[in-house]
Amino acid sequence: MGAFEGFWIRMEYMSKEFTRRGRSGIICCVVVFLTLFLLSPFGCGGKNGEAGEIGLSSLVLQDSLALYYPVPSVTPASIPPYQVSPDLSNVAGVREAALPSSLARSLAGQGFAVTVGMESSIYRVYQSIRGSKFVTLDALLHSFRILCDYALLESEKGVFRDDLRGLIASLHGFMWRFLRVSQGTVREAALKSMAFLSVAAGLLEMEVDIPPEMRGTVEEELALISQHAGWATSPVFGCREDYAQYLPRGHYAGDSGLEDYFKAMTWLGRMGFSPGGGSASAELSRGREMTRCAILLVGALHMSEVEGEPALKVWERIYQPSFFLMGASDSLDVYLYTRLMEEVFGRRFSLSRLADDAAVDSFCARALESKRSSGEGEGRAAEMEGLDLSFRLFGKPAAPDTYIFQQLVAPRVEERLMPRGLDIPAATGSDRALEILEKTYGEGKYEGYQAQMQALRLEYSSVDMTQKRKSVYWSWLEVMSQALKPCGEGFPSFMRGTAWQDRDLGLFLASWVEQRHGSLSYKRGGQAAATVPASEAAKGYVEPRPDALARLAGTVDMLRRGLSERGLASAASERLGALYQLLVRLKDMAEKELRNQPLSSEEYGTIEAIGDTLQYLESFPDPGGEEWLELSGNSMALVSEVYTDHNFGDLLEAAVGRPAVYYVIVPVEGRPTLAVGAGFSYYEMVVPATKKLDDEAWRNMLDSGQAPAPP
């Protein structure tokens, strides 16, 4: 194909794109013509450099979503001891509650009792309570998880989807520029990069010009993705790929635009360009080819523009919020490759430099060494097989629990084929979780388990605060580290025994399932108005974990500012602001409780209105529509596959059930008082791969009474 023919094809495509967005056709044609002419080989080459070279942008990108501002919380616990009579006769509110004898015995023995309720959501439990309410950390973590998912949905539908279309069109056009002026191994890399981008464009329903020699390959790849039938060999990359991962789910399912976005982002995140690391000739050759592809992609990202905006800035606008919400990637990324390109090739260099095998080998070695020395991927340097050693344009989310599980099963721990959910809190510092694993479940009998666990605990304790601010997941772990601290003298009596520590572990595990679960599903619902606290309210109680509330408030504020600074997710940002204010108020109340100070009538009113407040936080306007959204089926029940035993094909599935109802004896102004709250229920089960559960099947099990007993 001639240069002029390719030029006019791209111009026609861009004109269609602008027309689709409602722009003036005449003006757009002029703009597109001038832009493509300047970037074409018969134009002046554009402001970003000559056609046969790569120039790195001087644009400074943020390496985090936003600055983190800690919310202070330093309060020694000084609640005086209080006694509960065996018959609960000195506990306010017990007579009105008419408790079953089994719950009364638990209350008398340990100060609290838990039962699984019949409501579908936490806020509904609170709305049904008559009397003093107990505000749990569970309820607040659940609202935050829903808000995170909605912020992603609102950003994807309002900005990211169009940004990605523009970005792929820009990179695709610039790769044509590289293709026309390159030869040999560099041209081969440009062709593969062109195929990679063409698949993304096809998934986004964009019409792009594909080099004839790659057209069949691209069409075969798109067909496999469309069928999403399971494992097959990728026509573009020649490696095995699980095409079932391209089936849209959660909030992506049912919306054609979001389904396209999901498939494109899955492709851009799963398919990687590995620098190799092997010594065999074929491995070296493939590593060089993949690295040339990655360098060309990063070069195009630095040099191209999307409707007058630097493509690198558009990429960052999608990348930072997405991976803060979904989980930071441990892939080799644009930030690293930008730095290494400057170190090895300079800020501006000819494409012909990429034909130099020695220079490319130096780049590959630096990329691998950077990964080894950084400790990224939550892996030890000696265990490189656990790290993601491929460059990915958008990376794929990585969570530390995957690595933890890998370290605690065979072959590292002989004969242990299946992990337990408790491995996660134990590895991140919970002594109670480790005690249960070893004494109750006997996991210490496996050779190597204790040594591996101690190594993981040491590794986690050395994670710096920068890592803990990279994603919601890491920030959540920091919140939970505060929630799992044992409570000693000065705390309410019900929190000071091992029974409440076990409850905290249940909170950790259920909240972890919500973090592990993919995007949530929504249905149309009615608008919930924020509620003004009642002037006359029962005197309730906040779970006194001010340190955890402060950490969560800091994370909420960081997310809100990161979105607002980018002009993203205005409805979610509004609710994040409301959640932040609520968390700070509740933190202040918890501190007063620990100082044994009475709450004000306004503070009691905040507790009384908590059900309506949570409903407001968890219902949203439909992005681009006029209706309101809430969780599908109004149900918080969900299930997640957390580990696969490839030896026998069994799955470890962890699940959240219906809300648990808490009955707690709390000290309200010096008097033992029965308060009722709501929180998580947690389930864990090993099932054959052929009986894998989805959310609907899990909810049916709960409804039919076939769910296993909580652990």
Foldseek 3Di string as FASTA:
>chain_A
DDQVVQLVVLLVQQLVVVVVVPDDSVVSSVVSNVVSQCCGQNHVNDPQDHLFKFFFAPDDDDPALFDFDFDDDDFFFAADADAADLQNPQAPPPVVVPDDPVQSNCCNPQFKDWDFDDDFDFLVVLVPDDFFAEAAPQLLLVLVLLLLLVLLVQQVVPPLLVLVLLLLSQLLSSLVSNLVPDDDLLNVLSLLLNLLSVLLCVLQVGDHDHPPVCVVLSVVQNVLLVVQPAWDQRSSLRHIDGSVQLQDDAAQPPDSSSSSVSNSVCSLAPDFQFLFDDDDPVRNVSSLSSLSNVLSSLSSQRRTARVNHRSVVSLSLSQRSVCQSQAPFQEQESVNLSVLCCVLANSMHGSVVSVDSVSSNVSNVVLLVCSLVVCGLVDHSVPCVSGHRGYGHRHDHGDVVLVQQVCQAPPQFPPRQGDDLLSVVLLCPQPLSVCCCCPVVNSVVTPNRVVSSVVSNVSNVPDDVVNLSRHPNSLVSVLLVLLLDADDPSAHSSRHDVVVSVVSVQSVSASVQSSQDDHFHKDFDAAFDADQFDLDAHQYYYRQRLVSLSSVLSSLVSSLVSQVVSVGDPFSSVLSVVSSVLSVLSSVRSSCVSVLHADDSSSRSCSSCVSSSSVNSAKTADNVDGTIIHGVVSHPKWKDFDDARPVQQKTKMKIWHRKMKMWGFGQHSNGTYTHIRIRIAIAIDIDHNVPDDGRVRRNVCVVVVNGDDHD
